[in-house]
Amino acid sequence: MSYIVLRGRWWNISVLNVHAPSEEESDDSKHSFYKDLEQVFYHFPQYHMKILLGDFNAKVDRETIFKLTIGNQSLHQDSNDKGVKIVNFVTSKNLVIKSTMFLHRDILKYTWTCPDGKTHN
């Protein structure tokens, strides 16, 4: 987890870059990650514009109840545990997941393909 604060004349921007634990990690390390993320997020003043970047190893689905937060263009039909955690986090902080807001071809929505050729993440 790393961050940088860009100070401007009219506003400040806090950019936070993270890499979440993978599925193989223990539940304690996953819980610790979100606890640390919460602490670092509250470290920034409220008036800063906040940008959260990184690899959350999450699958976020297209639930209509969270349409304002996650958009309608997700690759996945179902969220995994990490997807639920990140949606809860960004909703509680009044953020949005922009990668699921814009229409892209499906081939541009994933970076990894399973050896079976059918599963994409």
PDB file of N, CA and C in Angstrom:
ATOM      1  N   MET A   1       0.853  -1.159   0.000  1.00  0.00           N
ATOM      2  CA  MET A   1       0.000   0.000   0.000  1.00  0.00           C
ATOM      3  C   MET A   1       0.901   1.224   0.000  1.00  0.00           C
ATOM      4  N   SER A   2       0.642   2.123  -0.946  1.00  0.00           N
ATOM      5  CA  SER A   2       1.408   3.367  -0.992  1.00  0.00           C
ATOM      6  C   SER A   2       0.471   4.499  -1.388  1.00  0.00           C
ATOM      7  N   TYR A   3       0.862   5.708  -1.048  1.00  0.00           N
ATOM      8  CA  TYR A   3       0.030   6.844  -1.408  1.00  0.00           C
ATOM      9  C   TYR A   3       0.892   8.067  -1.660  1.00  0.00           C
ATOM     10  N   ILE A   4       0.300   9.013  -2.367  1.00  0.00           N
ATOM     11  CA  ILE A   4       0.944  10.281  -2.643  1.00  0.00           C
ATOM     12  C   ILE A   4      -0.135  11.357  -2.563  1.00  0.00           C
ATOM     13  N   VAL A   5       0.226  12.512  -2.054  1.00  0.00           N
ATOM     14  CA  VAL A   5      -0.689  13.639  -1.986  1.00  0.00           C
ATOM     15  C   VAL A   5      -0.186  14.702  -2.951  1.00  0.00           C
ATOM     16  N   LEU A   6      -1.017  15.051  -3.905  1.00  0.00           N
ATOM     17  CA  LEU A   6      -0.696  16.085  -4.880  1.00  0.00           C
ATOM     18  C   LEU A   6      -1.377  17.373  -4.433  1.00  0.00           C
ATOM     19  N   ARG A   7      -0.584  18.364  -4.120  1.00  0.00           N
ATOM     20  CA  ARG A   7      -1.132  19.624  -3.611  1.00  0.00           C
ATOM     21  C   ARG A   7      -1.256  20.613  -4.758  1.00  0.00           C
ATOM     22  N   GLY A   8      -2.444  21.168  -4.896  1.00  0.00           N
ATOM     23  CA  GLY A   8      -2.714  22.129  -5.955  1.00  0.00           C
ATOM     24  C   GLY A   8      -3.126  23.466  -5.396  1.00  0.00           C
ATOM     25  N   ARG A   9      -3.368  24.393  -6.270  1.00  0.00           N
ATOM     26  CA  ARG A   9      -3.759  25.737  -5.846  1.00  0.00           C
ATOM     27  C   ARG A   9      -5.169  25.735  -5.260  1.00  0.00           C
ATOM     28  N   TRP A  10      -6.110  24.999  -5.907  1.00  0.00           N
ATOM     29  CA  TRP A  10      -7.495  25.032  -5.457  1.00  0.00           C
ATOM     30  C   TRP A  10      -7.950  23.757  -4.765  1.00  0.00           C
ATOM     31  N   TRP A  11      -7.261  22.643  -4.957  1.00  0.00           N
ATOM     32  CA  TRP A  11      -7.644  21.408  -4.280  1.00  0.00           C
ATOM     33  C   TRP A  11      -6.433  20.484  -4.180  1.00  0.00           C
ATOM     34  N   ASN A  12      -6.533  19.540  -3.283  1.00  0.00           N
ATOM     35  CA  ASN A  12      -5.504  18.519  -3.110  1.00  0.00           C
ATOM     36  C   ASN A  12      -6.076  17.170  -3.529  1.00  0.00           C
ATOM     37  N   ILE A  13      -5.213  16.345  -4.100  1.00  0.00           N
ATOM     38  CA  ILE A  13      -5.632  15.024  -4.552  1.00  0.00           C
ATOM     39  C   ILE A  13      -4.790  13.981  -3.829  1.00  0.00           C
ATOM     40  N   SER A  14      -5.437  13.049  -3.158  1.00  0.00           N
ATOM     41  CA  SER A  14      -4.765  11.931  -2.507  1.00  0.00           C
ATOM     42  C   SER A  14      -4.933  10.701  -3.384  1.00  0.00           C
ATOM     43  N   VAL A  15      -3.817  10.127  -3.834  1.00  0.00           N
ATOM     44  CA  VAL A  15      -3.843   8.942  -4.686  1.00  0.00           C
ATOM     45  C   VAL A  15      -3.303   7.781  -3.864  1.00  0.00           C
ATOM     46  N   LEU A  16      -4.096   6.747  -3.711  1.00  0.00           N
ATOM     47  CA  LEU A  16      -3.745   5.573  -2.921  1.00  0.00           C
ATOM     48  C   LEU A  16      -3.647   4.374  -3.848  1.00  0.00           C
ATOM     49  N   ASN A  17      -2.510   3.690  -3.832  1.00  0.00           N
ATOM     50  CA  ASN A  17      -2.279   2.525  -4.682  1.00  0.00           C
ATOM     51  C   ASN A  17      -2.145   1.291  -3.793  1.00  0.00           C
ATOM     52  N   VAL A  18      -2.928   0.250  -4.081  1.00  0.00           N
ATOM     53  CA  VAL A  18      -2.935  -0.941  -3.234  1.00  0.00           C
ATOM     54  C   VAL A  18      -2.857  -2.212  -4.076  1.00  0.00           C
ATOM     55  N   HIS A  19      -2.464  -3.276  -3.429  1.00  0.00           N
ATOM     56  CA  HIS A  19      -2.511  -4.615  -4.011  1.00  0.00           C
ATOM     57  C   HIS A  19      -3.059  -5.541  -2.934  1.00  0.00           C
ATOM     58  N   ALA A  20      -4.272  -6.017  -3.133  1.00  0.00           N
ATOM     59  CA  ALA A  20      -4.953  -6.836  -2.131  1.00  0.00           C
ATOM     60  C   ALA A  20      -4.384  -8.247  -2.101  1.00  0.00           C
ATOM     61  N   PRO A  21      -4.520  -8.924  -0.971  1.00  0.00           N
ATOM     62  CA  PRO A  21      -4.082 -10.328  -0.887  1.00  0.00           C
ATOM     63  C   PRO A  21      -4.880 -11.201  -1.853  1.00  0.00           C
ATOM     64  N   SER A  22      -4.261 -12.260  -2.328  1.00  0.00           N
ATOM     65  CA  SER A  22      -4.929 -13.174  -3.253  1.00  0.00           C
ATOM     66  C   SER A  22      -5.839 -14.126  -2.490  1.00  0.00           C
ATOM     67  N   GLU A  23      -6.565 -14.953  -3.225  1.00  0.00           N
ATOM     68  CA  GLU A  23      -7.500 -15.903  -2.608  1.00  0.00           C
ATOM     69  C   GLU A  23      -6.792 -16.917  -1.717  1.00  0.00           C
ATOM     70  N   GLU A  24      -5.533 -17.230  -2.009  1.00  0.00           N
ATOM     71  CA  GLU A  24      -4.801 -18.230  -1.243  1.00  0.00           C
ATOM     72  C   GLU A  24      -4.380 -17.719   0.139  1.00  0.00           C
ATOM     73  N   GLU A  25      -4.392 -16.406   0.332  1.00  0.00           N
ATOM     74  CA  GLU A  25      -3.992 -15.834   1.611  1.00  0.00           C
ATOM     75  C   GLU A  25      -5.015 -16.175   2.696  1.00  0.00           C
ATOM     76  N   SER A  26      -4.593 -16.074   3.940  1.00  0.00           N
ATOM     77  CA  SER A  26      -5.485 -16.380   5.065  1.00  0.00           C
ATOM     78  C   SER A  26      -6.534 -15.283   5.231  1.00  0.00           C
ATOM     79  N   ASP A  27      -7.625 -15.634   5.898  1.00  0.00           N
ATOM     80  CA  ASP A  27      -8.681 -14.658   6.155  1.00  0.00           C
ATOM     81  C   ASP A  27      -8.178 -13.525   7.041  1.00  0.00           C
ATOM     82  N   ASP A  28      -7.228 -13.831   7.918  1.00  0.00           N
ATOM     83  CA  ASP A  28      -6.665 -12.794   8.785  1.00  0.00           C
ATOM     84  C   ASP A  28      -5.931 -11.733   7.976  1.00  0.00           C
ATOM     85  N   SER A  29      -5.174 -12.157   6.970  1.00  0.00           N
ATOM     86  CA  SER A  29      -4.443 -11.179   6.154  1.00  0.00           C
ATOM     87  C   SER A  29      -5.406 -10.349   5.307  1.00  0.00           C
ATOM     88  N   LYS A  30      -6.492 -10.952   4.844  1.00  0.00           N
ATOM     89  CA  LYS A  30      -7.498 -10.208   4.079  1.00  0.00           C
ATOM     90  C   LYS A  30      -8.189  -9.177   4.971  1.00  0.00           C
ATOM     91  N   HIS A  31      -8.543  -9.594   6.179  1.00  0.00           N
ATOM     92  CA  HIS A  31      -9.182  -8.679   7.129  1.00  0.00           C
ATOM     93  C   HIS A  31      -8.222  -7.550   7.507  1.00  0.00           C
ATOM     94  N   SER A  32      -6.965  -7.899   7.717  1.00  0.00           N
ATOM     95  CA  SER A  32      -5.949  -6.914   8.055  1.00  0.00           C
ATOM     96  C   SER A  32      -5.767  -5.894   6.930  1.00  0.00           C
ATOM     97  N   PHE A  33      -5.819  -6.358   5.681  1.00  0.00           N
ATOM     98  CA  PHE A  33      -5.681  -5.460   4.537  1.00  0.00           C
ATOM     99  C   PHE A  33      -6.769  -4.391   4.553  1.00  0.00           C
ATOM    100  N   TYR A  34      -8.033  -4.795   4.723  1.00  0.00           N
ATOM    101  CA  TYR A  34      -9.123  -3.822   4.713  1.00  0.00           C
ATOM    102  C   TYR A  34      -9.091  -2.927   5.945  1.00  0.00           C
ATOM    103  N   LYS A  35      -8.610  -3.441   7.039  1.00  0.00           N
ATOM    104  CA  LYS A  35      -8.457  -2.612   8.244  1.00  0.00           C
ATOM    105  C   LYS A  35      -7.396  -1.533   7.995  1.00  0.00           C
ATOM    106  N   ASP A  36      -6.265  -1.930   7.405  1.00  0.00           N
ATOM    107  CA  ASP A  36      -5.207  -0.964   7.076  1.00  0.00           C
ATOM    108  C   ASP A  36      -5.684   0.045   6.030  1.00  0.00           C
ATOM    109  N   LEU A  37      -6.432  -0.426   5.049  1.00  0.00           N
ATOM    110  CA  LEU A  37      -6.960   0.460   4.013  1.00  0.00           C
ATOM    111  C   LEU A  37      -7.879   1.506   4.627  1.00  0.00           C
ATOM    112  N   GLU A  38      -8.703   1.085   5.551  1.00  0.00           N
ATOM    113  CA  GLU A  38      -9.606   2.007   6.245  1.00  0.00           C
ATOM    114  C   GLU A  38      -8.814   3.068   7.010  1.00  0.00           C
ATOM    115  N   GLN A  39      -7.769   2.654   7.716  1.00  0.00           N
ATOM    116  CA  GLN A  39      -6.956   3.593   8.485  1.00  0.00           C
ATOM    117  C   GLN A  39      -6.243   4.592   7.586  1.00  0.00           C
ATOM    118  N   VAL A  40      -5.654   4.113   6.498  1.00  0.00           N
ATOM    119  CA  VAL A  40      -4.951   5.011   5.578  1.00  0.00           C
ATOM    120  C   VAL A  40      -5.942   5.957   4.907  1.00  0.00           C
ATOM    121  N   PHE A  41      -7.116   5.454   4.560  1.00  0.00           N
ATOM    122  CA  PHE A  41      -8.121   6.288   3.914  1.00  0.00           C
ATOM    123  C   PHE A  41      -8.548   7.434   4.820  1.00  0.00           C
ATOM    124  N   TYR A  42      -8.694   7.159   6.115  1.00  0.00           N
ATOM    125  CA  TYR A  42      -9.084   8.208   7.058  1.00  0.00           C
ATOM    126  C   TYR A  42      -7.925   9.121   7.429  1.00  0.00           C
ATOM    127  N   HIS A  43      -6.719   8.756   7.048  1.00  0.00           N
ATOM    128  CA  HIS A  43      -5.549   9.599   7.279  1.00  0.00           C
ATOM    129  C   HIS A  43      -5.629  10.885   6.455  1.00  0.00           C
ATOM    130  N   PHE A  44      -6.265  10.805   5.270  1.00  0.00           N
ATOM    131  CA  PHE A  44      -6.384  11.963   4.397  1.00  0.00           C
ATOM    132  C   PHE A  44      -7.495  12.882   4.892  1.00  0.00           C
ATOM    133  N   PRO A  45      -7.300  14.190   4.778  1.00  0.00           N
ATOM    134  CA  PRO A  45      -8.380  15.119   5.158  1.00  0.00           C
ATOM    135  C   PRO A  45      -9.622  14.906   4.309  1.00  0.00           C
ATOM    136  N   GLN A  46     -10.765  15.236   4.846  1.00  0.00           N
ATOM    137  CA  GLN A  46     -12.042  14.991   4.189  1.00  0.00           C
ATOM    138  C   GLN A  46     -12.177  15.796   2.895  1.00  0.00           C
ATOM    139  N   TYR A  47     -11.577  16.973   2.830  1.00  0.00           N
ATOM    140  CA  TYR A  47     -11.739  17.832   1.662  1.00  0.00           C
ATOM    141  C   TYR A  47     -10.842  17.430   0.483  1.00  0.00           C
ATOM    142  N   HIS A  48      -9.955  16.455   0.662  1.00  0.00           N
ATOM    143  CA  HIS A  48      -9.118  15.980  -0.447  1.00  0.00           C
ATOM    144  C   HIS A  48      -9.953  15.182  -1.439  1.00  0.00           C
ATOM    145  N   MET A  49      -9.640  15.330  -2.717  1.00  0.00           N
ATOM    146  CA  MET A  49     -10.183  14.419  -3.719  1.00  0.00           C
ATOM    147  C   MET A  49      -9.393  13.124  -3.569  1.00  0.00           C
ATOM    148  N   LYS A  50     -10.072  11.995  -3.486  1.00  0.00           N
ATOM    149  CA  LYS A  50      -9.399  10.721  -3.239  1.00  0.00           C
ATOM    150  C   LYS A  50      -9.540   9.804  -4.450  1.00  0.00           C
ATOM    151  N   ILE A  51      -8.398   9.236  -4.866  1.00  0.00           N
ATOM    152  CA  ILE A  51      -8.379   8.271  -5.956  1.00  0.00           C
ATOM    153  C   ILE A  51      -7.749   6.998  -5.419  1.00  0.00           C
ATOM    154  N   LEU A  52      -8.488   5.913  -5.497  1.00  0.00           N
ATOM    155  CA  LEU A  52      -8.027   4.618  -5.010  1.00  0.00           C
ATOM    156  C   LEU A  52      -7.776   3.723  -6.217  1.00  0.00           C
ATOM    157  N   LEU A  53      -6.518   3.320  -6.400  1.00  0.00           N
ATOM    158  CA  LEU A  53      -6.108   2.492  -7.529  1.00  0.00           C
ATOM    159  C   LEU A  53      -5.547   1.184  -7.026  1.00  0.00           C
ATOM    160  N   GLY A  54      -5.596   0.152  -7.840  1.00  0.00           N
ATOM    161  CA  GLY A  54      -4.909  -1.062  -7.454  1.00  0.00           C
ATOM    162  C   GLY A  54      -5.569  -2.320  -7.957  1.00  0.00           C
ATOM    163  N   ASP A  55      -4.983  -3.416  -7.531  1.00  0.00           N
ATOM    164  CA  ASP A  55      -5.470  -4.742  -7.871  1.00  0.00           C
ATOM    165  C   ASP A  55      -6.127  -5.317  -6.623  1.00  0.00           C
ATOM    166  N   PHE A  56      -7.446  -5.418  -6.653  1.00  0.00           N
ATOM    167  CA  PHE A  56      -8.186  -5.917  -5.495  1.00  0.00           C
ATOM    168  C   PHE A  56      -8.504  -7.395  -5.613  1.00  0.00           C
ATOM    169  N   ASN A  57      -8.105  -8.041  -6.701  1.00  0.00           N
ATOM    170  CA  ASN A  57      -8.390  -9.456  -6.925  1.00  0.00           C
ATOM    171  C   ASN A  57      -9.869  -9.750  -6.694  1.00  0.00           C
ATOM    172  N   ALA A  58     -10.723  -8.874  -7.186  1.00  0.00           N
ATOM    173  CA  ALA A  58     -12.155  -8.974  -6.924  1.00  0.00           C
ATOM    174  C   ALA A  58     -12.932  -9.162  -8.217  1.00  0.00           C
ATOM    175  N   LYS A  59     -14.017  -9.910  -8.099  1.00  0.00           N
ATOM    176  CA  LYS A  59     -14.986 -10.045  -9.183  1.00  0.00           C
ATOM    177  C   LYS A  59     -16.244  -9.315  -8.728  1.00  0.00           C
ATOM    178  N   VAL A  60     -16.628  -8.298  -9.484  1.00  0.00           N
ATOM    179  CA  VAL A  60     -17.791  -7.490  -9.140  1.00  0.00           C
ATOM    180  C   VAL A  60     -18.875  -7.768 -10.170  1.00  0.00           C
ATOM    181  N   ASP A  61     -20.073  -8.071  -9.685  1.00  0.00           N
ATOM    182  CA  ASP A  61     -21.157  -8.400 -10.606  1.00  0.00           C
ATOM    183  C   ASP A  61     -21.943  -7.148 -10.997  1.00  0.00           C
ATOM    184  N   ARG A  62     -23.072  -7.349 -11.638  1.00  0.00           N
ATOM    185  CA  ARG A  62     -23.884  -6.256 -12.179  1.00  0.00           C
ATOM    186  C   ARG A  62     -25.177  -6.053 -11.407  1.00  0.00           C
ATOM    187  N   GLU A  63     -25.152  -6.083 -10.107  1.00  0.00           N
ATOM    188  CA  GLU A  63     -26.377  -5.920  -9.329  1.00  0.00           C
ATOM    189  C   GLU A  63     -26.964  -4.534  -9.537  1.00  0.00           C
ATOM    190  N   THR A  64     -28.252  -4.463  -9.794  1.00  0.00           N
ATOM    191  CA  THR A  64     -28.888  -3.175 -10.060  1.00  0.00           C
ATOM    192  C   THR A  64     -28.953  -2.293  -8.821  1.00  0.00           C
ATOM    193  N   ILE A  65     -28.940  -2.899  -7.645  1.00  0.00           N
ATOM    194  CA  ILE A  65     -29.006  -2.100  -6.421  1.00  0.00           C
ATOM    195  C   ILE A  65     -27.754  -1.220  -6.253  1.00  0.00           C
ATOM    196  N   PHE A  66     -26.617  -1.656  -6.795  1.00  0.00           N
ATOM    197  CA  PHE A  66     -25.375  -0.895  -6.697  1.00  0.00           C
ATOM    198  C   PHE A  66     -24.997  -0.229  -8.017  1.00  0.00           C
ATOM    199  N   LYS A  67     -25.951  -0.014  -8.898  1.00  0.00           N
ATOM    200  CA  LYS A  67     -25.664   0.498 -10.234  1.00  0.00           C
ATOM    201  C   LYS A  67     -24.922   1.835 -10.193  1.00  0.00           C
ATOM    202  N   LEU A  68     -25.241   2.707  -9.261  1.00  0.00           N
ATOM    203  CA  LEU A  68     -24.561   4.005  -9.164  1.00  0.00           C
ATOM    204  C   LEU A  68     -23.119   3.852  -8.694  1.00  0.00           C
ATOM    205  N   THR A  69     -22.827   2.771  -7.989  1.00  0.00           N
ATOM    206  CA  THR A  69     -21.476   2.546  -7.470  1.00  0.00           C
ATOM    207  C   THR A  69     -20.635   1.709  -8.423  1.00  0.00           C
ATOM    208  N   ILE A  70     -21.219   0.675  -9.026  1.00  0.00           N
ATOM    209  CA  ILE A  70     -20.409  -0.247  -9.832  1.00  0.00           C
ATOM    210  C   ILE A  70     -20.746  -0.235 -11.309  1.00  0.00           C
ATOM    211  N   GLY A  71     -21.705   0.541 -11.721  1.00  0.00           N
ATOM    212  CA  GLY A  71     -22.014   0.601 -13.145  1.00  0.00           C
ATOM    213  C   GLY A  71     -22.725  -0.638 -13.638  1.00  0.00           C
ATOM    214  N   ASN A  72     -22.731  -0.788 -14.950  1.00  0.00           N
ATOM    215  CA  ASN A  72     -23.505  -1.859 -15.566  1.00  0.00           C
ATOM    216  C   ASN A  72     -22.662  -2.694 -16.523  1.00  0.00           C
ATOM    217  N   GLN A  73     -21.350  -2.477 -16.548  1.00  0.00           N
ATOM    218  CA  GLN A  73     -20.512  -3.076 -17.575  1.00  0.00           C
ATOM    219  C   GLN A  73     -19.498  -4.080 -17.038  1.00  0.00           C
ATOM    220  N   SER A  74     -19.775  -4.716 -15.935  1.00  0.00           N
ATOM    221  CA  SER A  74     -18.856  -5.700 -15.367  1.00  0.00           C
ATOM    222  C   SER A  74     -18.794  -6.948 -16.236  1.00  0.00           C
ATOM    223  N   LEU A  75     -17.660  -7.608 -16.226  1.00  0.00           N
ATOM    224  CA  LEU A  75     -17.473  -8.849 -16.964  1.00  0.00           C
ATOM    225  C   LEU A  75     -18.169 -10.023 -16.279  1.00  0.00           C
ATOM    226  N   HIS A  76     -18.324  -9.969 -14.986  1.00  0.00           N
ATOM    227  CA  HIS A  76     -18.775 -11.105 -14.189  1.00  0.00           C
ATOM    228  C   HIS A  76     -20.271 -11.040 -13.875  1.00  0.00           C
ATOM    229  N   GLN A  77     -20.862 -12.219 -13.748  1.00  0.00           N
ATOM    230  CA  GLN A  77     -22.272 -12.325 -13.372  1.00  0.00           C
ATOM    231  C   GLN A  77     -22.443 -12.407 -11.861  1.00  0.00           C
ATOM    232  N   ASP A  78     -21.426 -12.904 -11.158  1.00  0.00           N
ATOM    233  CA  ASP A  78     -21.485 -13.060  -9.705  1.00  0.00           C
ATOM    234  C   ASP A  78     -20.248 -12.447  -9.074  1.00  0.00           C
ATOM    235  N   SER A  79     -20.431 -11.873  -7.891  1.00  0.00           N
ATOM    236  CA  SER A  79     -19.304 -11.326  -7.134  1.00  0.00           C
ATOM    237  C   SER A  79     -18.674 -12.419  -6.297  1.00  0.00           C
ATOM    238  N   ASN A  80     -17.354 -12.350  -6.126  1.00  0.00           N
ATOM    239  CA  ASN A  80     -16.720 -13.226  -5.148  1.00  0.00           C
ATOM    240  C   ASN A  80     -16.660 -12.477  -3.814  1.00  0.00           C
ATOM    241  N   ASP A  81     -16.088 -13.099  -2.802  1.00  0.00           N
ATOM    242  CA  ASP A  81     -16.032 -12.506  -1.469  1.00  0.00           C
ATOM    243  C   ASP A  81     -15.326 -11.154  -1.498  1.00  0.00           C
ATOM    244  N   LYS A  82     -14.250 -11.065  -2.251  1.00  0.00           N
ATOM    245  CA  LYS A  82     -13.510  -9.800  -2.342  1.00  0.00           C
ATOM    246  C   LYS A  82     -14.319  -8.743  -3.074  1.00  0.00           C
ATOM    247  N   GLY A  83     -15.114  -9.150  -4.040  1.00  0.00           N
ATOM    248  CA  GLY A  83     -15.977  -8.208  -4.739  1.00  0.00           C
ATOM    249  C   GLY A  83     -16.993  -7.575  -3.803  1.00  0.00           C
ATOM    250  N   VAL A  84     -17.569  -8.386  -2.940  1.00  0.00           N
ATOM    251  CA  VAL A  84     -18.526  -7.881  -1.953  1.00  0.00           C
ATOM    252  C   VAL A  84     -17.829  -6.915  -1.004  1.00  0.00           C
ATOM    253  N   LYS A  85     -16.607  -7.263  -0.574  1.00  0.00           N
ATOM    254  CA  LYS A  85     -15.877  -6.391   0.350  1.00  0.00           C
ATOM    255  C   LYS A  85     -15.544  -5.050  -0.284  1.00  0.00           C
ATOM    256  N   ILE A  86     -15.087  -5.053  -1.531  1.00  0.00           N
ATOM    257  CA  ILE A  86     -14.725  -3.784  -2.165  1.00  0.00           C
ATOM    258  C   ILE A  86     -15.966  -2.938  -2.452  1.00  0.00           C
ATOM    259  N   VAL A  87     -17.080  -3.570  -2.826  1.00  0.00           N
ATOM    260  CA  VAL A  87     -18.317  -2.811  -3.046  1.00  0.00           C
ATOM    261  C   VAL A  87     -18.782  -2.181  -1.737  1.00  0.00           C
ATOM    262  N   ASN A  88     -18.713  -2.918  -0.642  1.00  0.00           N
ATOM    263  CA  ASN A  88     -19.087  -2.361   0.657  1.00  0.00           C
ATOM    264  C   ASN A  88     -18.172  -1.205   1.048  1.00  0.00           C
ATOM    265  N   PHE A  89     -16.872  -1.359   0.783  1.00  0.00           N
ATOM    266  CA  PHE A  89     -15.916  -0.305   1.127  1.00  0.00           C
ATOM    267  C   PHE A  89     -16.186   0.962   0.323  1.00  0.00           C
ATOM    268  N   VAL A  90     -16.291   0.843  -0.994  1.00  0.00           N
ATOM    269  CA  VAL A  90     -16.470   2.042  -1.813  1.00  0.00           C
ATOM    270  C   VAL A  90     -17.836   2.687  -1.576  1.00  0.00           C
ATOM    271  N   THR A  91     -18.845   1.896  -1.297  1.00  0.00           N
ATOM    272  CA  THR A  91     -20.162   2.456  -0.989  1.00  0.00           C
ATOM    273  C   THR A  91     -20.110   3.256   0.302  1.00  0.00           C
ATOM    274  N   SER A  92     -19.429   2.732   1.316  1.00  0.00           N
ATOM    275  CA  SER A  92     -19.353   3.441   2.600  1.00  0.00           C
ATOM    276  C   SER A  92     -18.526   4.718   2.515  1.00  0.00           C
ATOM    277  N   LYS A  93     -17.656   4.809   1.513  1.00  0.00           N
ATOM    278  CA  LYS A  93     -16.798   5.996   1.352  1.00  0.00           C
ATOM    279  C   LYS A  93     -17.299   6.932   0.259  1.00  0.00           C
ATOM    280  N   ASN A  94     -18.468   6.632  -0.308  1.00  0.00           N
ATOM    281  CA  ASN A  94     -19.061   7.445  -1.364  1.00  0.00           C
ATOM    282  C   ASN A  94     -18.142   7.527  -2.590  1.00  0.00           C
ATOM    283  N   LEU A  95     -17.539   6.392  -2.951  1.00  0.00           N
ATOM    284  CA  LEU A  95     -16.687   6.280  -4.131  1.00  0.00           C
ATOM    285  C   LEU A  95     -17.426   5.495  -5.203  1.00  0.00           C
ATOM    286  N   VAL A  96     -16.824   5.373  -6.380  1.00  0.00           N
ATOM    287  CA  VAL A  96     -17.377   4.552  -7.447  1.00  0.00           C
ATOM    288  C   VAL A  96     -16.267   3.702  -8.048  1.00  0.00           C
ATOM    289  N   ILE A  97     -16.641   2.563  -8.617  1.00  0.00           N
ATOM    290  CA  ILE A  97     -15.700   1.695  -9.322  1.00  0.00           C
ATOM    291  C   ILE A  97     -15.833   2.040 -10.801  1.00  0.00           C
ATOM    292  N   LYS A  98     -14.908   2.828 -11.307  1.00  0.00           N
ATOM    293  CA  LYS A  98     -15.025   3.355 -12.666  1.00  0.00           C
ATOM    294  C   LYS A  98     -14.771   2.319 -13.751  1.00  0.00           C
ATOM    295  N   SER A  99     -14.021   1.276 -13.458  1.00  0.00           N
ATOM    296  CA  SER A  99     -13.711   0.289 -14.499  1.00  0.00           C
ATOM    297  C   SER A  99     -14.950  -0.464 -14.967  1.00  0.00           C
ATOM    298  N   THR A 100     -16.023  -0.412 -14.216  1.00  0.00           N
ATOM    299  CA  THR A 100     -17.258  -1.091 -14.604  1.00  0.00           C
ATOM    300  C   THR A 100     -18.319  -0.114 -15.101  1.00  0.00           C
ATOM    301  N   MET A 101     -17.938   1.116 -15.337  1.00  0.00           N
ATOM    302  CA  MET A 101     -18.895   2.147 -15.759  1.00  0.00           C
ATOM    303  C   MET A 101     -18.956   2.312 -17.282  1.00  0.00           C
ATOM    304  N   PHE A 102     -17.888   1.978 -17.977  1.00  0.00           N
ATOM    305  CA  PHE A 102     -17.796   2.288 -19.395  1.00  0.00           C
ATOM    306  C   PHE A 102     -17.937   1.032 -20.253  1.00  0.00           C
ATOM    307  N   LEU A 103     -18.581   1.190 -21.381  1.00  0.00           N
ATOM    308  CA  LEU A 103     -18.781   0.093 -22.302  1.00  0.00           C
ATOM    309  C   LEU A 103     -17.464  -0.240 -23.000  1.00  0.00           C
ATOM    310  N   HIS A 104     -17.014  -1.472 -22.846  1.00  0.00           N
ATOM    311  CA  HIS A 104     -15.821  -1.987 -23.511  1.00  0.00           C
ATOM    312  C   HIS A 104     -16.157  -3.365 -24.066  1.00  0.00           C
ATOM    313  N   ARG A 105     -15.410  -3.793 -25.057  1.00  0.00           N
ATOM    314  CA  ARG A 105     -15.554  -5.176 -25.513  1.00  0.00           C
ATOM    315  C   ARG A 105     -15.067  -6.085 -24.384  1.00  0.00           C
ATOM    316  N   ASP A 106     -15.651  -7.262 -24.265  1.00  0.00           N
ATOM    317  CA  ASP A 106     -15.290  -8.175 -23.180  1.00  0.00           C
ATOM    318  C   ASP A 106     -13.809  -8.522 -23.174  1.00  0.00           C
ATOM    319  N   ILE A 107     -13.184  -8.591 -24.329  1.00  0.00           N
ATOM    320  CA  ILE A 107     -11.764  -8.945 -24.392  1.00  0.00           C
ATOM    321  C   ILE A 107     -10.890  -7.899 -23.682  1.00  0.00           C
ATOM    322  N   LEU A 108     -11.390  -6.682 -23.516  1.00  0.00           N
ATOM    323  CA  LEU A 108     -10.644  -5.624 -22.836  1.00  0.00           C
ATOM    324  C   LEU A 108     -10.940  -5.567 -21.342  1.00  0.00           C
ATOM    325  N   LYS A 109     -11.812  -6.420 -20.848  1.00  0.00           N
ATOM    326  CA  LYS A 109     -12.216  -6.393 -19.447  1.00  0.00           C
ATOM    327  C   LYS A 109     -11.460  -7.395 -18.579  1.00  0.00           C
ATOM    328  N   TYR A 110     -10.597  -8.217 -19.144  1.00  0.00           N
ATOM    329  CA  TYR A 110      -9.863  -9.196 -18.354  1.00  0.00           C
ATOM    330  C   TYR A 110      -8.395  -9.174 -18.733  1.00  0.00           C
ATOM    331  N   THR A 111      -7.573  -9.666 -17.782  1.00  0.00           N
ATOM    332  CA  THR A 111      -6.124  -9.706 -18.008  1.00  0.00           C
ATOM    333  C   THR A 111      -5.559 -11.109 -17.890  1.00  0.00           C
ATOM    334  N   TRP A 112      -6.381 -12.073 -17.493  1.00  0.00           N
ATOM    335  CA  TRP A 112      -5.906 -13.440 -17.295  1.00  0.00           C
ATOM    336  C   TRP A 112      -6.929 -14.415 -17.859  1.00  0.00           C
ATOM    337  N   THR A 113      -6.454 -15.442 -18.533  1.00  0.00           N
ATOM    338  CA  THR A 113      -7.314 -16.493 -19.052  1.00  0.00           C
ATOM    339  C   THR A 113      -6.853 -17.830 -18.484  1.00  0.00           C
ATOM    340  N   CYS A 114      -7.792 -18.609 -17.978  1.00  0.00           N
ATOM    341  CA  CYS A 114      -7.508 -19.937 -17.451  1.00  0.00           C
ATOM    342  C   CYS A 114      -7.030 -20.836 -18.593  1.00  0.00           C
ATOM    343  N   PRO A 115      -6.194 -21.824 -18.298  1.00  0.00           N
ATOM    344  CA  PRO A 115      -5.741 -22.744 -19.352  1.00  0.00           C
ATOM    345  C   PRO A 115      -6.863 -23.433 -20.112  1.00  0.00           C
ATOM    346  N   ASP A 116      -8.069 -23.541 -19.511  1.00  0.00           N
ATOM    347  CA  ASP A 116      -9.176 -24.160 -20.246  1.00  0.00           C
ATOM    348  C   ASP A 116      -9.721 -23.240 -21.353  1.00  0.00           C
ATOM    349  N   GLY A 117      -9.316 -21.967 -21.332  1.00  0.00           N
ATOM    350  CA  GLY A 117      -9.720 -21.012 -22.352  1.00  0.00           C
ATOM    351  C   GLY A 117     -11.106 -20.435 -22.191  1.00  0.00           C
ATOM    352  N   LYS A 118     -11.827 -20.828 -21.136  1.00  0.00           N
ATOM    353  CA  LYS A 118     -13.196 -20.379 -20.944  1.00  0.00           C
ATOM    354  C   LYS A 118     -13.362 -19.411 -19.789  1.00  0.00           C
ATOM    355  N   THR A 119     -12.476 -19.490 -18.812  1.00  0.00           N
ATOM    356  CA  THR A 119     -12.572 -18.648 -17.628  1.00  0.00           C
ATOM    357  C   THR A 119     -11.647 -17.457 -17.762  1.00  0.00           C
ATOM    358  N   HIS A 120     -12.187 -16.255 -17.553  1.00  0.00           N
ATOM    359  CA  HIS A 120     -11.408 -15.027 -17.662  1.00  0.00           C
ATOM    360  C   HIS A 120     -11.546 -14.220 -16.378  1.00  0.00           C
ATOM    361  N   ASN A 121     -10.478 -13.603 -15.952  1.00  0.00           N
ATOM    362  CA  ASN A 121     -10.484 -12.711 -14.785  1.00  0.00           C
ATOM    363  C   ASN A 121      -9.705 -11.467 -15.113  1.00  0.00           C
TER     364      ASN A 121
END
